[in-house]
Amino acid sequence: MDQWLSLLTRPPFLLLARLDDGTYLLERDVPELLAELGNEWLQLSGLQEIKGVPEAQPKRTWTAEELMMPTDH
């Protein structure tokens, strides 16, 4: 899990920022990041841009335990 979290703190993702107390700050909205990366890959392949990206949500911190907990939905 630590390797995945570390990966998400580096380019091209820059999704998380590691905080001193073992938590992570979510720097970007996940759907927004995925849409941006998808658009970059589509542009590289010569396809069109993805439309309808949802608005970014407020930033929040996550612990490793929260990220690993399954959701009910």
PDB file of N, CA and C in Angstrom:
ATOM      1  N   MET A   1       0.822  -1.178   0.000  1.00  0.00           N
ATOM      2  CA  MET A   1       0.000   0.000   0.000  1.00  0.00           C
ATOM      3  C   MET A   1       0.876   1.255   0.000  1.00  0.00           C
ATOM      4  N   ASP A   2       1.949   1.207   0.770  1.00  0.00           N
ATOM      5  CA  ASP A   2       2.832   2.369   0.848  1.00  0.00           C
ATOM      6  C   ASP A   2       3.427   2.696  -0.523  1.00  0.00           C
ATOM      7  N   GLN A   3       3.725   1.678  -1.321  1.00  0.00           N
ATOM      8  CA  GLN A   3       4.268   1.911  -2.662  1.00  0.00           C
ATOM      9  C   GLN A   3       3.240   2.610  -3.551  1.00  0.00           C
ATOM     10  N   TRP A   4       1.976   2.196  -3.467  1.00  0.00           N
ATOM     11  CA  TRP A   4       0.913   2.845  -4.248  1.00  0.00           C
ATOM     12  C   TRP A   4       0.746   4.296  -3.827  1.00  0.00           C
ATOM     13  N   LEU A   5       0.713   4.534  -2.527  1.00  0.00           N
ATOM     14  CA  LEU A   5       0.555   5.905  -2.050  1.00  0.00           C
ATOM     15  C   LEU A   5       1.741   6.763  -2.471  1.00  0.00           C
ATOM     16  N   SER A   6       2.934   6.202  -2.391  1.00  0.00           N
ATOM     17  CA  SER A   6       4.129   6.927  -2.810  1.00  0.00           C
ATOM     18  C   SER A   6       4.072   7.249  -4.302  1.00  0.00           C
ATOM     19  N   LEU A   7       3.614   6.303  -5.106  1.00  0.00           N
ATOM     20  CA  LEU A   7       3.483   6.526  -6.548  1.00  0.00           C
ATOM     21  C   LEU A   7       2.539   7.693  -6.840  1.00  0.00           C
ATOM     22  N   LEU A   8       1.457   7.787  -6.098  1.00  0.00           N
ATOM     23  CA  LEU A   8       0.465   8.838  -6.333  1.00  0.00           C
ATOM     24  C   LEU A   8       0.917  10.215  -5.855  1.00  0.00           C
ATOM     25  N   THR A   9       2.081  10.272  -5.187  1.00  0.00           N
ATOM     26  CA  THR A   9       2.633  11.572  -4.770  1.00  0.00           C
ATOM     27  C   THR A   9       3.589  12.140  -5.807  1.00  0.00           C
ATOM     28  N   ARG A  10       3.885  11.360  -6.871  1.00  0.00           N
ATOM     29  CA  ARG A  10       4.876  11.763  -7.881  1.00  0.00           C
ATOM     30  C   ARG A  10       4.218  12.002  -9.242  1.00  0.00           C
ATOM     31  N   PRO A  11       4.928  12.751 -10.123  1.00  0.00           N
ATOM     32  CA  PRO A  11       4.423  12.941 -11.488  1.00  0.00           C
ATOM     33  C   PRO A  11       4.306  11.588 -12.191  1.00  0.00           C
ATOM     34  N   PRO A  12       3.369  11.400 -13.067  1.00  0.00           N
ATOM     35  CA  PRO A  12       2.452  12.406 -13.598  1.00  0.00           C
ATOM     36  C   PRO A  12       1.192  12.565 -12.770  1.00  0.00           C
ATOM     37  N   PHE A  13       1.080  11.825 -11.665  1.00  0.00           N
ATOM     38  CA  PHE A  13      -0.162  11.830 -10.903  1.00  0.00           C
ATOM     39  C   PHE A  13      -0.300  13.049 -10.001  1.00  0.00           C
ATOM     40  N   LEU A  14       0.643  13.228  -9.081  1.00  0.00           N
ATOM     41  CA  LEU A  14       0.587  14.328  -8.111  1.00  0.00           C
ATOM     42  C   LEU A  14      -0.800  14.433  -7.483  1.00  0.00           C
ATOM     43  N   LEU A  15      -1.361  13.268  -7.169  1.00  0.00           N
ATOM     44  CA  LEU A  15      -2.704  13.207  -6.615  1.00  0.00           C
ATOM     45  C   LEU A  15      -2.698  13.424  -5.106  1.00  0.00           C
ATOM     46  N   LEU A  16      -1.652  12.945  -4.434  1.00  0.00           N
ATOM     47  CA  LEU A  16      -1.565  13.017  -2.981  1.00  0.00           C
ATOM     48  C   LEU A  16      -0.323  13.779  -2.543  1.00  0.00           C
ATOM     49  N   ALA A  17      -0.404  14.378  -1.357  1.00  0.00           N
ATOM     50  CA  ALA A  17       0.763  14.965  -0.695  1.00  0.00           C
ATOM     51  C   ALA A  17       0.888  14.275   0.657  1.00  0.00           C
ATOM     52  N   ARG A  18       2.073  13.760   0.952  1.00  0.00           N
ATOM     53  CA  ARG A  18       2.299  13.071   2.228  1.00  0.00           C
ATOM     54  C   ARG A  18       2.430  14.103   3.344  1.00  0.00           C
ATOM     55  N   LEU A  19       1.685  13.915   4.420  1.00  0.00           N
ATOM     56  CA  LEU A  19       1.772  14.773   5.589  1.00  0.00           C
ATOM     57  C   LEU A  19       2.604  14.071   6.654  1.00  0.00           C
ATOM     58  N   ASP A  20       3.098  14.812   7.620  1.00  0.00           N
ATOM     59  CA  ASP A  20       4.019  14.263   8.625  1.00  0.00           C
ATOM     60  C   ASP A  20       3.419  13.170   9.497  1.00  0.00           C
ATOM     61  N   ASP A  21       2.119  13.207   9.730  1.00  0.00           N
ATOM     62  CA  ASP A  21       1.522  12.273  10.685  1.00  0.00           C
ATOM     63  C   ASP A  21       1.000  10.987  10.044  1.00  0.00           C
ATOM     64  N   GLY A  22       1.489  10.643   8.850  1.00  0.00           N
ATOM     65  CA  GLY A  22       1.080   9.408   8.202  1.00  0.00           C
ATOM     66  C   GLY A  22      -0.205   9.522   7.403  1.00  0.00           C
ATOM     67  N   THR A  23      -0.702  10.728   7.251  1.00  0.00           N
ATOM     68  CA  THR A  23      -1.895  10.933   6.441  1.00  0.00           C
ATOM     69  C   THR A  23      -1.488  11.546   5.109  1.00  0.00           C
ATOM     70  N   TYR A  24      -2.420  11.605   4.210  1.00  0.00           N
ATOM     71  CA  TYR A  24      -2.178  12.153   2.880  1.00  0.00           C
ATOM     72  C   TYR A  24      -3.226  13.209   2.575  1.00  0.00           C
ATOM     73  N   LEU A  25      -2.793  14.251   1.920  1.00  0.00           N
ATOM     74  CA  LEU A  25      -3.694  15.297   1.460  1.00  0.00           C
ATOM     75  C   LEU A  25      -4.047  14.988   0.019  1.00  0.00           C
ATOM     76  N   LEU A  26      -5.332  14.906  -0.267  1.00  0.00           N
ATOM     77  CA  LEU A  26      -5.787  14.681  -1.627  1.00  0.00           C
ATOM     78  C   LEU A  26      -5.682  16.005  -2.358  1.00  0.00           C
ATOM     79  N   GLU A  27      -4.699  16.129  -3.245  1.00  0.00           N
ATOM     80  CA  GLU A  27      -4.396  17.382  -3.921  1.00  0.00           C
ATOM     81  C   GLU A  27      -5.351  17.674  -5.075  1.00  0.00           C
ATOM     82  N   ARG A  28      -5.882  16.626  -5.672  1.00  0.00           N
ATOM     83  CA  ARG A  28      -6.719  16.802  -6.852  1.00  0.00           C
ATOM     84  C   ARG A  28      -7.911  15.867  -6.767  1.00  0.00           C
ATOM     85  N   ASP A  29      -8.990  16.236  -7.425  1.00  0.00           N
ATOM     86  CA  ASP A  29     -10.164  15.392  -7.500  1.00  0.00           C
ATOM     87  C   ASP A  29      -9.855  14.219  -8.438  1.00  0.00           C
ATOM     88  N   VAL A  30     -10.162  13.016  -8.015  1.00  0.00           N
ATOM     89  CA  VAL A  30      -9.812  11.824  -8.793  1.00  0.00           C
ATOM     90  C   VAL A  30     -10.465  11.829 -10.178  1.00  0.00           C
ATOM     91  N   PRO A  31     -11.781  12.079 -10.308  1.00  0.00           N
ATOM     92  CA  PRO A  31     -12.357  12.103 -11.661  1.00  0.00           C
ATOM     93  C   PRO A  31     -11.700  13.156 -12.561  1.00  0.00           C
ATOM     94  N   GLU A  32     -11.350  14.305 -11.986  1.00  0.00           N
ATOM     95  CA  GLU A  32     -10.684  15.355 -12.753  1.00  0.00           C
ATOM     96  C   GLU A  32      -9.319  14.868 -13.248  1.00  0.00           C
ATOM     97  N   LEU A  33      -8.543  14.242 -12.360  1.00  0.00           N
ATOM     98  CA  LEU A  33      -7.232  13.718 -12.745  1.00  0.00           C
ATOM     99  C   LEU A  33      -7.365  12.670 -13.834  1.00  0.00           C
ATOM    100  N   LEU A  34      -8.297  11.735 -13.669  1.00  0.00           N
ATOM    101  CA  LEU A  34      -8.462  10.678 -14.660  1.00  0.00           C
ATOM    102  C   LEU A  34      -8.882  11.238 -16.011  1.00  0.00           C
ATOM    103  N   ALA A  35      -9.761  12.247 -15.998  1.00  0.00           N
ATOM    104  CA  ALA A  35     -10.179  12.871 -17.252  1.00  0.00           C
ATOM    105  C   ALA A  35      -9.007  13.568 -17.937  1.00  0.00           C
ATOM    106  N   GLU A  36      -8.176  14.265 -17.143  1.00  0.00           N
ATOM    107  CA  GLU A  36      -7.009  14.942 -17.710  1.00  0.00           C
ATOM    108  C   GLU A  36      -6.027  13.940 -18.315  1.00  0.00           C
ATOM    109  N   LEU A  37      -5.740  12.871 -17.564  1.00  0.00           N
ATOM    110  CA  LEU A  37      -4.827  11.852 -18.084  1.00  0.00           C
ATOM    111  C   LEU A  37      -5.421  11.182 -19.317  1.00  0.00           C
ATOM    112  N   GLY A  38      -6.726  10.906 -19.270  1.00  0.00           N
ATOM    113  CA  GLY A  38      -7.400  10.309 -20.416  1.00  0.00           C
ATOM    114  C   GLY A  38      -7.331  11.205 -21.635  1.00  0.00           C
ATOM    115  N   ASN A  39      -7.543  12.508 -21.431  1.00  0.00           N
ATOM    116  CA  ASN A  39      -7.459  13.452 -22.548  1.00  0.00           C
ATOM    117  C   ASN A  39      -6.058  13.494 -23.136  1.00  0.00           C
ATOM    118  N   GLU A  40      -5.045  13.464 -22.260  1.00  0.00           N
ATOM    119  CA  GLU A  40      -3.666  13.457 -22.751  1.00  0.00           C
ATOM    120  C   GLU A  40      -3.400  12.212 -23.589  1.00  0.00           C
ATOM    121  N   TRP A  41      -3.866  11.059 -23.113  1.00  0.00           N
ATOM    122  CA  TRP A  41      -3.642   9.819 -23.851  1.00  0.00           C
ATOM    123  C   TRP A  41      -4.435   9.811 -25.160  1.00  0.00           C
ATOM    124  N   LEU A  42      -5.654  10.358 -25.126  1.00  0.00           N
ATOM    125  CA  LEU A  42      -6.452  10.439 -26.351  1.00  0.00           C
ATOM    126  C   LEU A  42      -5.801  11.367 -27.366  1.00  0.00           C
ATOM    127  N   GLN A  43      -5.259  12.485 -26.896  1.00  0.00           N
ATOM    128  CA  GLN A  43      -4.585  13.410 -27.800  1.00  0.00           C
ATOM    129  C   GLN A  43      -3.356  12.757 -28.425  1.00  0.00           C
ATOM    130  N   LEU A  44      -2.644  11.969 -27.630  1.00  0.00           N
ATOM    131  CA  LEU A  44      -1.491  11.256 -28.172  1.00  0.00           C
ATOM    132  C   LEU A  44      -1.913  10.247 -29.238  1.00  0.00           C
ATOM    133  N   SER A  45      -3.092   9.674 -29.058  1.00  0.00           N
ATOM    134  CA  SER A  45      -3.557   8.681 -30.029  1.00  0.00           C
ATOM    135  C   SER A  45      -4.325   9.316 -31.181  1.00  0.00           C
ATOM    136  N   GLY A  46      -4.562  10.636 -31.119  1.00  0.00           N
ATOM    137  CA  GLY A  46      -5.260  11.330 -32.193  1.00  0.00           C
ATOM    138  C   GLY A  46      -6.766  11.326 -32.048  1.00  0.00           C
ATOM    139  N   LEU A  47      -7.307  10.892 -30.905  1.00  0.00           N
ATOM    140  CA  LEU A  47      -8.747  10.886 -30.690  1.00  0.00           C
ATOM    141  C   LEU A  47      -9.190  12.203 -30.066  1.00  0.00           C
ATOM    142  N   GLN A  48     -10.496  12.351 -29.811  1.00  0.00           N
ATOM    143  CA  GLN A  48     -11.028  13.611 -29.300  1.00  0.00           C
ATOM    144  C   GLN A  48     -11.020  13.672 -27.778  1.00  0.00           C
ATOM    145  N   GLU A  49     -11.244  14.887 -27.271  1.00  0.00           N
ATOM    146  CA  GLU A  49     -11.257  15.166 -25.829  1.00  0.00           C
ATOM    147  C   GLU A  49     -12.498  14.580 -25.163  1.00  0.00           C
ATOM    148  N   ILE A  50     -12.349  14.132 -23.908  1.00  0.00           N
ATOM    149  CA  ILE A  50     -13.462  13.639 -23.110  1.00  0.00           C
ATOM    150  C   ILE A  50     -14.264  14.824 -22.604  1.00  0.00           C
ATOM    151  N   LYS A  51     -15.585  14.760 -22.689  1.00  0.00           N
ATOM    152  CA  LYS A  51     -16.463  15.855 -22.248  1.00  0.00           C
ATOM    153  C   LYS A  51     -17.140  15.491 -20.931  1.00  0.00           C
ATOM    154  N   GLY A  52     -17.641  16.509 -20.230  1.00  0.00           N
ATOM    155  CA  GLY A  52     -18.470  16.298 -19.044  1.00  0.00           C
ATOM    156  C   GLY A  52     -17.720  15.899 -17.793  1.00  0.00           C
ATOM    157  N   VAL A  53     -16.600  16.531 -17.519  1.00  0.00           N
ATOM    158  CA  VAL A  53     -15.846  16.244 -16.299  1.00  0.00           C
ATOM    159  C   VAL A  53     -16.573  16.883 -15.119  1.00  0.00           C
ATOM    160  N   PRO A  54     -16.863  16.118 -14.049  1.00  0.00           N
ATOM    161  CA  PRO A  54     -17.558  16.704 -12.895  1.00  0.00           C
ATOM    162  C   PRO A  54     -16.696  17.746 -12.181  1.00  0.00           C
ATOM    163  N   GLU A  55     -17.360  18.639 -11.448  1.00  0.00           N
ATOM    164  CA  GLU A  55     -16.644  19.660 -10.676  1.00  0.00           C
ATOM    165  C   GLU A  55     -15.776  19.019  -9.605  1.00  0.00           C
ATOM    166  N   ALA A  56     -14.650  19.662  -9.322  1.00  0.00           N
ATOM    167  CA  ALA A  56     -13.740  19.164  -8.289  1.00  0.00           C
ATOM    168  C   ALA A  56     -14.380  19.314  -6.912  1.00  0.00           C
ATOM    169  N   GLN A  57     -14.114  18.348  -6.051  1.00  0.00           N
ATOM    170  CA  GLN A  57     -14.596  18.369  -4.677  1.00  0.00           C
ATOM    171  C   GLN A  57     -13.549  19.040  -3.785  1.00  0.00           C
ATOM    172  N   PRO A  58     -13.948  19.503  -2.601  1.00  0.00           N
ATOM    173  CA  PRO A  58     -12.966  20.108  -1.686  1.00  0.00           C
ATOM    174  C   PRO A  58     -11.872  19.103  -1.318  1.00  0.00           C
ATOM    175  N   LYS A  59     -10.670  19.624  -1.042  1.00  0.00           N
ATOM    176  CA  LYS A  59      -9.555  18.766  -0.636  1.00  0.00           C
ATOM    177  C   LYS A  59      -9.823  18.199   0.747  1.00  0.00           C
ATOM    178  N   ARG A  60      -9.330  16.996   0.990  1.00  0.00           N
ATOM    179  CA  ARG A  60      -9.391  16.400   2.312  1.00  0.00           C
ATOM    180  C   ARG A  60      -8.219  15.462   2.494  1.00  0.00           C
ATOM    181  N   THR A  61      -7.958  15.047   3.717  1.00  0.00           N
ATOM    182  CA  THR A  61      -6.865  14.116   3.975  1.00  0.00           C
ATOM    183  C   THR A  61      -7.437  12.715   4.157  1.00  0.00           C
ATOM    184  N   TRP A  62      -6.612  11.729   3.862  1.00  0.00           N
ATOM    185  CA  TRP A  62      -6.983  10.323   3.982  1.00  0.00           C
ATOM    186  C   TRP A  62      -5.860   9.597   4.709  1.00  0.00           C
ATOM    187  N   THR A  63      -6.205   8.688   5.579  1.00  0.00           N
ATOM    188  CA  THR A  63      -5.198   7.804   6.159  1.00  0.00           C
ATOM    189  C   THR A  63      -5.109   6.566   5.280  1.00  0.00           C
ATOM    190  N   ALA A  64      -4.044   5.812   5.406  1.00  0.00           N
ATOM    191  CA  ALA A  64      -3.908   4.579   4.634  1.00  0.00           C
ATOM    192  C   ALA A  64      -5.057   3.629   4.948  1.00  0.00           C
ATOM    193  N   GLU A  65      -5.497   3.598   6.195  1.00  0.00           N
ATOM    194  CA  GLU A  65      -6.600   2.722   6.587  1.00  0.00           C
ATOM    195  C   GLU A  65      -7.893   3.123   5.871  1.00  0.00           C
ATOM    196  N   GLU A  66      -8.154   4.427   5.760  1.00  0.00           N
ATOM    197  CA  GLU A  66      -9.359   4.878   5.062  1.00  0.00           C
ATOM    198  C   GLU A  66      -9.324   4.495   3.592  1.00  0.00           C
ATOM    199  N   LEU A  67      -8.155   4.587   2.987  1.00  0.00           N
ATOM    200  CA  LEU A  67      -8.038   4.244   1.576  1.00  0.00           C
ATOM    201  C   LEU A  67      -8.237   2.753   1.339  1.00  0.00           C
ATOM    202  N   MET A  68      -7.901   1.943   2.326  1.00  0.00           N
ATOM    203  CA  MET A  68      -8.020   0.494   2.176  1.00  0.00           C
ATOM    204  C   MET A  68      -9.384  -0.045   2.566  1.00  0.00           C
ATOM    205  N   MET A  69     -10.202   0.760   3.274  1.00  0.00           N
ATOM    206  CA  MET A  69     -11.508   0.285   3.737  1.00  0.00           C
ATOM    207  C   MET A  69     -12.471   0.157   2.565  1.00  0.00           C
ATOM    208  N   PRO A  70     -13.163  -0.987   2.441  1.00  0.00           N
ATOM    209  CA  PRO A  70     -14.139  -1.126   1.359  1.00  0.00           C
ATOM    210  C   PRO A  70     -15.358  -0.220   1.622  1.00  0.00           C
ATOM    211  N   THR A  71     -15.970   0.219   0.547  1.00  0.00           N
ATOM    212  CA  THR A  71     -17.182   1.024   0.678  1.00  0.00           C
ATOM    213  C   THR A  71     -18.393   0.149   0.422  1.00  0.00           C
ATOM    214  N   ASP A  72     -19.531   0.598   0.897  1.00  0.00           N
ATOM    215  CA  ASP A  72     -20.762  -0.183   0.744  1.00  0.00           C
ATOM    216  C   ASP A  72     -21.505   0.153  -0.527  1.00  0.00           C
ATOM    217  N   HIS A  73     -20.993   1.078  -1.359  1.00  0.00           N
ATOM    218  CA  HIS A  73     -21.734   1.428  -2.575  1.00  0.00           C
ATOM    219  C   HIS A  73     -20.988   1.119  -3.806  1.00  0.00           C
TER     220      HIS A  73
END
